[in-house]
Amino acid sequence: MNRLLSLFTLTLVSLSAAAQTKTEATPPAIVSLIEGITGKEFKPDTAYSTLSKEDVDILTKQPVANWSLPQPSGDQMMYQNLIVGQKSYRLVIIKQPQISLPTAMLLRYPTAESKPETIARGTLSPKEQQKAK
């Protein structure tokens, strides 16, 4: 019985790991978009399969000026919104005291009532020219 339970647990763990790694990498256009909005270097650490070609097209065609001004939400978080037609996007930046680099997440809201879907996540670090100063 213990062998069967161990085999079942091992199978679940391996399937879970495989499901997480079978996503595509964050497209360079999305990386440069986040870098343009934040002014920092974005290093994606998690890829999500929910990013569609339509999202990439919408996000890359919108100028950075169409994003809202940064809105603080507490001491450790701020966000910016972009609304295009029926879709809306939110860039959330979280700075936790125990972690040196802030985390950025790009979320999509397919409809006003739907839950957000994460489409990119990673860390923000100063760009090379900012480090040199």
N, C-alpha and C. Protein backbone atom coordinates (compact mmCIF):
# COMPACT_ATOMS: atom_id res chain seq x y z
N MET A 1 0.82 -1.19 0.00
CA MET A 1 0.00 0.00 0.00
C MET A 1 0.86 1.25 0.00
N ASN A 2 1.95 1.25 0.82
CA ASN A 2 2.84 2.40 0.87
C ASN A 2 3.54 2.63 -0.46
N ARG A 3 3.89 1.52 -1.15
CA ARG A 3 4.52 1.65 -2.46
C ARG A 3 3.58 2.30 -3.45
N LEU A 4 2.33 1.91 -3.43
CA LEU A 4 1.34 2.46 -4.34
C LEU A 4 1.13 3.95 -4.06
N LEU A 5 1.06 4.31 -2.80
CA LEU A 5 0.90 5.71 -2.41
C LEU A 5 2.13 6.52 -2.82
N SER A 6 3.31 5.98 -2.64
CA SER A 6 4.55 6.66 -3.04
C SER A 6 4.60 6.85 -4.55
N LEU A 7 4.22 5.83 -5.29
CA LEU A 7 4.21 5.91 -6.74
C LEU A 7 3.21 6.95 -7.22
N PHE A 8 2.04 6.99 -6.60
CA PHE A 8 1.02 7.97 -6.95
C PHE A 8 1.51 9.39 -6.66
N THR A 9 2.14 9.60 -5.51
CA THR A 9 2.67 10.91 -5.15
C THR A 9 3.77 11.34 -6.11
N LEU A 10 4.66 10.44 -6.44
CA LEU A 10 5.74 10.74 -7.37
C LEU A 10 5.18 11.11 -8.75
N THR A 11 4.16 10.40 -9.19
CA THR A 11 3.53 10.69 -10.47
C THR A 11 2.91 12.08 -10.46
N LEU A 12 2.20 12.42 -9.40
CA LEU A 12 1.59 13.75 -9.30
C LEU A 12 2.63 14.85 -9.32
N VAL A 13 3.72 14.66 -8.60
CA VAL A 13 4.78 15.67 -8.55
C VAL A 13 5.40 15.84 -9.93
N SER A 14 5.68 14.75 -10.62
CA SER A 14 6.30 14.87 -11.94
C SER A 14 5.35 15.49 -12.95
N LEU A 15 4.06 15.17 -12.89
CA LEU A 15 3.09 15.79 -13.78
C LEU A 15 2.97 17.28 -13.50
N SER A 16 2.98 17.65 -12.25
CA SER A 16 2.91 19.06 -11.88
C SER A 16 4.12 19.82 -12.40
N ALA A 17 5.30 19.24 -12.25
CA ALA A 17 6.52 19.89 -12.73
C ALA A 17 6.50 20.01 -14.25
N ALA A 18 6.03 18.99 -14.93
CA ALA A 18 5.96 19.03 -16.39
C ALA A 18 4.96 20.08 -16.86
N ALA A 19 3.85 20.23 -16.17
CA ALA A 19 2.85 21.22 -16.56
C ALA A 19 3.39 22.64 -16.40
N GLN A 20 4.24 22.86 -15.42
CA GLN A 20 4.79 24.19 -15.20
C GLN A 20 5.86 24.53 -16.22
N THR A 21 6.57 23.57 -16.74
CA THR A 21 7.67 23.86 -17.64
C THR A 21 7.28 23.80 -19.11
N LYS A 22 6.07 23.43 -19.44
CA LYS A 22 5.67 23.32 -20.84
C LYS A 22 5.06 24.61 -21.37
N THR A 23 5.30 25.73 -20.73
CA THR A 23 4.81 27.00 -21.22
C THR A 23 5.88 27.65 -22.08
N GLU A 24 5.47 28.61 -22.89
CA GLU A 24 6.41 29.32 -23.73
C GLU A 24 7.09 30.42 -22.92
N ALA A 25 8.26 30.82 -23.37
CA ALA A 25 8.97 31.90 -22.71
C ALA A 25 8.24 33.23 -22.95
N THR A 26 8.46 34.17 -22.06
CA THR A 26 7.85 35.49 -22.21
C THR A 26 8.44 36.15 -23.46
N PRO A 27 7.59 36.60 -24.38
CA PRO A 27 8.09 37.20 -25.62
C PRO A 27 8.93 38.46 -25.34
N PRO A 28 9.96 38.70 -26.15
CA PRO A 28 10.79 39.88 -25.97
C PRO A 28 10.00 41.19 -26.03
N ALA A 29 8.92 41.21 -26.81
CA ALA A 29 8.10 42.43 -26.91
C ALA A 29 7.46 42.77 -25.56
N ILE A 30 7.05 41.76 -24.82
CA ILE A 30 6.44 41.98 -23.50
C ILE A 30 7.52 42.41 -22.51
N VAL A 31 8.71 41.82 -22.61
CA VAL A 31 9.82 42.20 -21.73
C VAL A 31 10.16 43.67 -21.96
N SER A 32 10.29 44.09 -23.22
CA SER A 32 10.63 45.49 -23.50
C SER A 32 9.50 46.43 -23.11
N LEU A 33 8.24 45.99 -23.20
CA LEU A 33 7.12 46.80 -22.76
C LEU A 33 7.22 47.08 -21.26
N ILE A 34 7.45 46.05 -20.47
CA ILE A 34 7.55 46.21 -19.02
C ILE A 34 8.76 47.09 -18.67
N GLU A 35 9.86 46.90 -19.39
CA GLU A 35 11.04 47.74 -19.16
C GLU A 35 10.75 49.20 -19.52
N GLY A 36 9.98 49.43 -20.57
CA GLY A 36 9.63 50.79 -20.96
C GLY A 36 8.74 51.48 -19.95
N ILE A 37 7.83 50.73 -19.35
CA ILE A 37 6.91 51.30 -18.36
C ILE A 37 7.64 51.60 -17.06
N THR A 38 8.48 50.67 -16.62
CA THR A 38 9.11 50.80 -15.31
C THR A 38 10.45 51.54 -15.34
N GLY A 39 11.12 51.55 -16.49
CA GLY A 39 12.45 52.14 -16.57
C GLY A 39 13.51 51.25 -15.96
N LYS A 40 13.19 50.01 -15.70
CA LYS A 40 14.14 49.06 -15.10
C LYS A 40 14.24 47.83 -16.00
N GLU A 41 15.29 47.04 -15.76
CA GLU A 41 15.48 45.80 -16.51
C GLU A 41 14.55 44.73 -15.95
N PHE A 42 13.78 44.07 -16.84
CA PHE A 42 12.83 43.04 -16.43
C PHE A 42 13.40 41.68 -16.81
N LYS A 43 13.51 40.80 -15.81
CA LYS A 43 14.00 39.44 -16.02
C LYS A 43 12.87 38.48 -15.67
N PRO A 44 12.19 37.93 -16.70
CA PRO A 44 11.09 37.01 -16.42
C PRO A 44 11.60 35.76 -15.70
N ASP A 45 10.88 35.33 -14.67
CA ASP A 45 11.25 34.11 -13.96
C ASP A 45 10.18 33.04 -14.08
N THR A 46 9.03 33.40 -14.58
CA THR A 46 7.94 32.44 -14.74
C THR A 46 7.23 32.74 -16.05
N ALA A 47 7.00 31.71 -16.85
CA ALA A 47 6.26 31.87 -18.09
C ALA A 47 4.88 31.26 -17.93
N TYR A 48 3.90 31.93 -18.48
CA TYR A 48 2.52 31.46 -18.37
C TYR A 48 1.95 31.22 -19.76
N SER A 49 1.18 30.17 -19.89
CA SER A 49 0.60 29.84 -21.19
C SER A 49 -0.64 30.67 -21.50
N THR A 50 -1.08 31.52 -20.57
CA THR A 50 -2.29 32.31 -20.81
C THR A 50 -2.04 33.50 -21.72
N LEU A 51 -0.79 33.81 -22.03
CA LEU A 51 -0.46 34.92 -22.92
C LEU A 51 -0.77 34.50 -24.35
N SER A 52 -1.70 35.20 -24.97
CA SER A 52 -2.10 34.85 -26.34
C SER A 52 -1.44 35.81 -27.33
N LYS A 53 -1.47 35.45 -28.59
CA LYS A 53 -0.94 36.32 -29.64
C LYS A 53 -1.71 37.63 -29.67
N GLU A 54 -3.01 37.57 -29.42
CA GLU A 54 -3.84 38.78 -29.38
C GLU A 54 -3.35 39.73 -28.28
N ASP A 55 -3.01 39.19 -27.11
CA ASP A 55 -2.49 40.01 -26.02
C ASP A 55 -1.20 40.70 -26.43
N VAL A 56 -0.29 39.95 -27.04
CA VAL A 56 0.98 40.51 -27.46
C VAL A 56 0.74 41.63 -28.47
N ASP A 57 -0.17 41.41 -29.43
CA ASP A 57 -0.48 42.43 -30.43
C ASP A 57 -1.06 43.69 -29.78
N ILE A 58 -2.01 43.51 -28.88
CA ILE A 58 -2.63 44.66 -28.20
C ILE A 58 -1.60 45.43 -27.38
N LEU A 59 -0.82 44.71 -26.58
CA LEU A 59 0.12 45.36 -25.68
C LEU A 59 1.26 46.06 -26.42
N THR A 60 1.74 45.49 -27.51
CA THR A 60 2.86 46.10 -28.22
C THR A 60 2.44 47.27 -29.09
N LYS A 61 1.17 47.35 -29.46
CA LYS A 61 0.70 48.47 -30.28
C LYS A 61 0.34 49.70 -29.45
N GLN A 62 0.16 49.53 -28.15
CA GLN A 62 -0.20 50.64 -27.28
C GLN A 62 1.05 51.35 -26.79
N PRO A 63 1.10 52.67 -26.94
CA PRO A 63 2.28 53.38 -26.40
C PRO A 63 2.27 53.38 -24.88
N VAL A 64 3.45 53.54 -24.32
CA VAL A 64 3.60 53.56 -22.86
C VAL A 64 2.76 54.68 -22.26
N ALA A 65 2.55 55.75 -22.99
CA ALA A 65 1.77 56.89 -22.49
C ALA A 65 0.31 56.53 -22.23
N ASN A 66 -0.19 55.45 -22.81
CA ASN A 66 -1.58 55.04 -22.57
C ASN A 66 -1.77 54.34 -21.24
N TRP A 67 -0.69 53.95 -20.59
CA TRP A 67 -0.79 53.33 -19.27
C TRP A 67 -1.08 54.41 -18.24
N SER A 68 -1.82 54.08 -17.22
CA SER A 68 -2.12 55.05 -16.17
C SER A 68 -0.86 55.40 -15.38
N LEU A 69 -0.94 56.47 -14.63
CA LEU A 69 0.17 56.82 -13.74
C LEU A 69 0.26 55.77 -12.64
N PRO A 70 1.45 55.58 -12.07
CA PRO A 70 1.59 54.59 -10.98
C PRO A 70 0.68 54.94 -9.80
N GLN A 71 -0.06 53.96 -9.32
CA GLN A 71 -0.98 54.12 -8.21
C GLN A 71 -0.45 53.31 -7.02
N PRO A 72 -0.14 53.97 -5.90
CA PRO A 72 0.31 53.19 -4.74
C PRO A 72 -0.86 52.44 -4.10
N SER A 73 -0.56 51.27 -3.61
CA SER A 73 -1.54 50.48 -2.88
C SER A 73 -0.83 49.92 -1.65
N GLY A 74 -0.79 50.70 -0.62
CA GLY A 74 -0.04 50.32 0.57
C GLY A 74 1.41 50.72 0.42
N ASP A 75 2.23 50.28 1.35
CA ASP A 75 3.65 50.64 1.34
C ASP A 75 4.47 49.82 0.36
N GLN A 76 4.04 48.62 0.03
CA GLN A 76 4.88 47.70 -0.72
C GLN A 76 4.40 47.41 -2.13
N MET A 77 3.32 48.03 -2.57
CA MET A 77 2.79 47.69 -3.89
C MET A 77 2.34 48.94 -4.63
N MET A 78 2.52 48.91 -5.95
CA MET A 78 1.94 49.93 -6.82
C MET A 78 1.53 49.25 -8.11
N TYR A 79 0.62 49.90 -8.83
CA TYR A 79 0.13 49.31 -10.07
C TYR A 79 -0.18 50.38 -11.09
N GLN A 80 -0.23 49.94 -12.36
CA GLN A 80 -0.61 50.79 -13.47
C GLN A 80 -1.58 50.01 -14.34
N ASN A 81 -2.56 50.71 -14.93
CA ASN A 81 -3.60 50.06 -15.72
C ASN A 81 -3.54 50.49 -17.17
N LEU A 82 -3.99 49.60 -18.05
CA LEU A 82 -4.19 49.88 -19.46
C LEU A 82 -5.53 49.26 -19.84
N ILE A 83 -6.42 50.06 -20.41
CA ILE A 83 -7.71 49.55 -20.84
C ILE A 83 -7.80 49.75 -22.35
N VAL A 84 -8.06 48.65 -23.06
CA VAL A 84 -8.19 48.66 -24.51
C VAL A 84 -9.48 47.92 -24.85
N GLY A 85 -10.48 48.66 -25.28
CA GLY A 85 -11.77 48.04 -25.59
C GLY A 85 -12.35 47.37 -24.37
N GLN A 86 -12.67 46.09 -24.48
CA GLN A 86 -13.25 45.34 -23.38
C GLN A 86 -12.18 44.71 -22.48
N LYS A 87 -10.93 44.71 -22.91
CA LYS A 87 -9.86 44.09 -22.11
C LYS A 87 -9.13 45.14 -21.29
N SER A 88 -8.66 44.71 -20.15
CA SER A 88 -7.82 45.60 -19.35
C SER A 88 -6.63 44.81 -18.83
N TYR A 89 -5.54 45.53 -18.66
CA TYR A 89 -4.28 44.95 -18.20
C TYR A 89 -3.80 45.74 -17.00
N ARG A 90 -3.07 45.09 -16.12
CA ARG A 90 -2.53 45.76 -14.93
C ARG A 90 -1.11 45.26 -14.71
N LEU A 91 -0.21 46.22 -14.53
CA LEU A 91 1.16 45.91 -14.17
C LEU A 91 1.30 46.18 -12.68
N VAL A 92 1.58 45.15 -11.91
CA VAL A 92 1.69 45.25 -10.45
C VAL A 92 3.16 45.09 -10.08
N ILE A 93 3.66 46.02 -9.26
CA ILE A 93 5.04 45.95 -8.79
C ILE A 93 5.02 45.85 -7.28
N ILE A 94 5.64 44.80 -6.77
CA ILE A 94 5.66 44.53 -5.33
C ILE A 94 7.09 44.58 -4.83
N LYS A 95 7.33 45.38 -3.82
CA LYS A 95 8.65 45.48 -3.19
C LYS A 95 8.52 45.00 -1.77
N GLN A 96 9.05 43.82 -1.51
CA GLN A 96 9.01 43.25 -0.16
C GLN A 96 10.32 43.57 0.55
N PRO A 97 10.26 43.96 1.81
CA PRO A 97 11.47 44.35 2.54
C PRO A 97 12.54 43.27 2.61
N GLN A 98 12.15 42.01 2.70
CA GLN A 98 13.13 40.94 2.85
C GLN A 98 13.74 40.51 1.51
N ILE A 99 13.24 41.02 0.39
CA ILE A 99 13.76 40.68 -0.93
C ILE A 99 14.33 41.95 -1.55
N SER A 100 15.56 41.88 -2.07
CA SER A 100 16.23 43.08 -2.55
C SER A 100 15.65 43.64 -3.84
N LEU A 101 15.19 42.79 -4.76
CA LEU A 101 14.66 43.27 -6.03
C LEU A 101 13.14 43.19 -6.06
N PRO A 102 12.47 44.20 -6.61
CA PRO A 102 11.01 44.14 -6.69
C PRO A 102 10.55 43.12 -7.74
N THR A 103 9.34 42.64 -7.56
CA THR A 103 8.72 41.70 -8.49
C THR A 103 7.66 42.43 -9.30
N ALA A 104 7.62 42.16 -10.60
CA ALA A 104 6.62 42.75 -11.48
C ALA A 104 5.74 41.64 -12.04
N MET A 105 4.44 41.88 -12.06
CA MET A 105 3.49 40.92 -12.65
C MET A 105 2.59 41.66 -13.62
N LEU A 106 2.42 41.10 -14.80
CA LEU A 106 1.50 41.65 -15.79
C LEU A 106 0.25 40.79 -15.77
N LEU A 107 -0.88 41.41 -15.46
CA LEU A 107 -2.15 40.70 -15.34
C LEU A 107 -3.10 41.11 -16.46
N ARG A 108 -3.99 40.18 -16.82
CA ARG A 108 -5.03 40.47 -17.82
C ARG A 108 -6.38 40.24 -17.17
N TYR A 109 -7.31 41.15 -17.43
CA TYR A 109 -8.70 41.01 -17.02
C TYR A 109 -9.52 40.88 -18.30
N PRO A 110 -9.93 39.67 -18.69
CA PRO A 110 -10.68 39.50 -19.94
C PRO A 110 -12.00 40.28 -19.93
N THR A 111 -12.68 40.31 -18.80
CA THR A 111 -13.90 41.11 -18.67
C THR A 111 -13.84 41.83 -17.33
N ALA A 112 -14.73 42.78 -17.14
CA ALA A 112 -14.71 43.56 -15.91
C ALA A 112 -15.00 42.71 -14.68
N GLU A 113 -15.76 41.64 -14.83
CA GLU A 113 -16.15 40.80 -13.70
C GLU A 113 -15.21 39.62 -13.47
N SER A 114 -14.31 39.36 -14.39
CA SER A 114 -13.48 38.16 -14.29
C SER A 114 -12.29 38.37 -13.35
N LYS A 115 -11.76 37.25 -12.90
CA LYS A 115 -10.56 37.27 -12.06
C LYS A 115 -9.35 37.54 -12.94
N PRO A 116 -8.32 38.16 -12.38
CA PRO A 116 -7.13 38.43 -13.20
C PRO A 116 -6.37 37.16 -13.54
N GLU A 117 -5.76 37.17 -14.72
CA GLU A 117 -4.92 36.06 -15.16
C GLU A 117 -3.50 36.60 -15.31
N THR A 118 -2.54 35.95 -14.70
CA THR A 118 -1.16 36.38 -14.81
C THR A 118 -0.62 35.97 -16.17
N ILE A 119 0.00 36.92 -16.88
CA ILE A 119 0.56 36.59 -18.19
C ILE A 119 2.08 36.76 -18.24
N ALA A 120 2.66 37.41 -17.25
CA ALA A 120 4.12 37.51 -17.15
C ALA A 120 4.48 37.86 -15.71
N ARG A 121 5.62 37.34 -15.26
CA ARG A 121 6.10 37.65 -13.92
C ARG A 121 7.62 37.58 -13.91
N GLY A 122 8.24 38.48 -13.16
CA GLY A 122 9.69 38.47 -13.08
C GLY A 122 10.19 39.52 -12.11
N THR A 123 11.50 39.71 -12.09
CA THR A 123 12.10 40.68 -11.18
C THR A 123 12.56 41.91 -11.96
N LEU A 124 12.59 43.03 -11.27
CA LEU A 124 13.06 44.29 -11.84
C LEU A 124 14.40 44.62 -11.19
N SER A 125 15.34 45.01 -12.02
CA SER A 125 16.63 45.44 -11.49
C SER A 125 17.05 46.70 -12.22
N PRO A 126 17.93 47.49 -11.60
CA PRO A 126 18.38 48.71 -12.28
C PRO A 126 19.06 48.37 -13.59
N LYS A 127 18.86 49.23 -14.60
CA LYS A 127 19.54 49.03 -15.89
C LYS A 127 21.02 49.32 -15.71
N GLU A 128 21.83 48.87 -16.64
CA GLU A 128 23.29 48.99 -16.55
C GLU A 128 23.73 50.44 -16.36
N GLN A 129 23.13 51.39 -17.12
CA GLN A 129 23.55 52.78 -16.98
C GLN A 129 23.16 53.35 -15.61
N GLN A 130 22.09 52.82 -14.98
CA GLN A 130 21.72 53.27 -13.64
C GLN A 130 22.69 52.71 -12.61
N LYS A 131 23.19 51.51 -12.85
CA LYS A 131 24.15 50.88 -11.92
C LYS A 131 25.47 51.64 -11.92
N ALA A 132 25.88 52.16 -13.10
CA ALA A 132 27.16 52.82 -13.24
C ALA A 132 27.21 54.17 -12.53
N LYS A 133 26.08 54.81 -12.34
CA LYS A 133 26.05 56.15 -11.73
C LYS A 133 26.33 56.13 -10.26
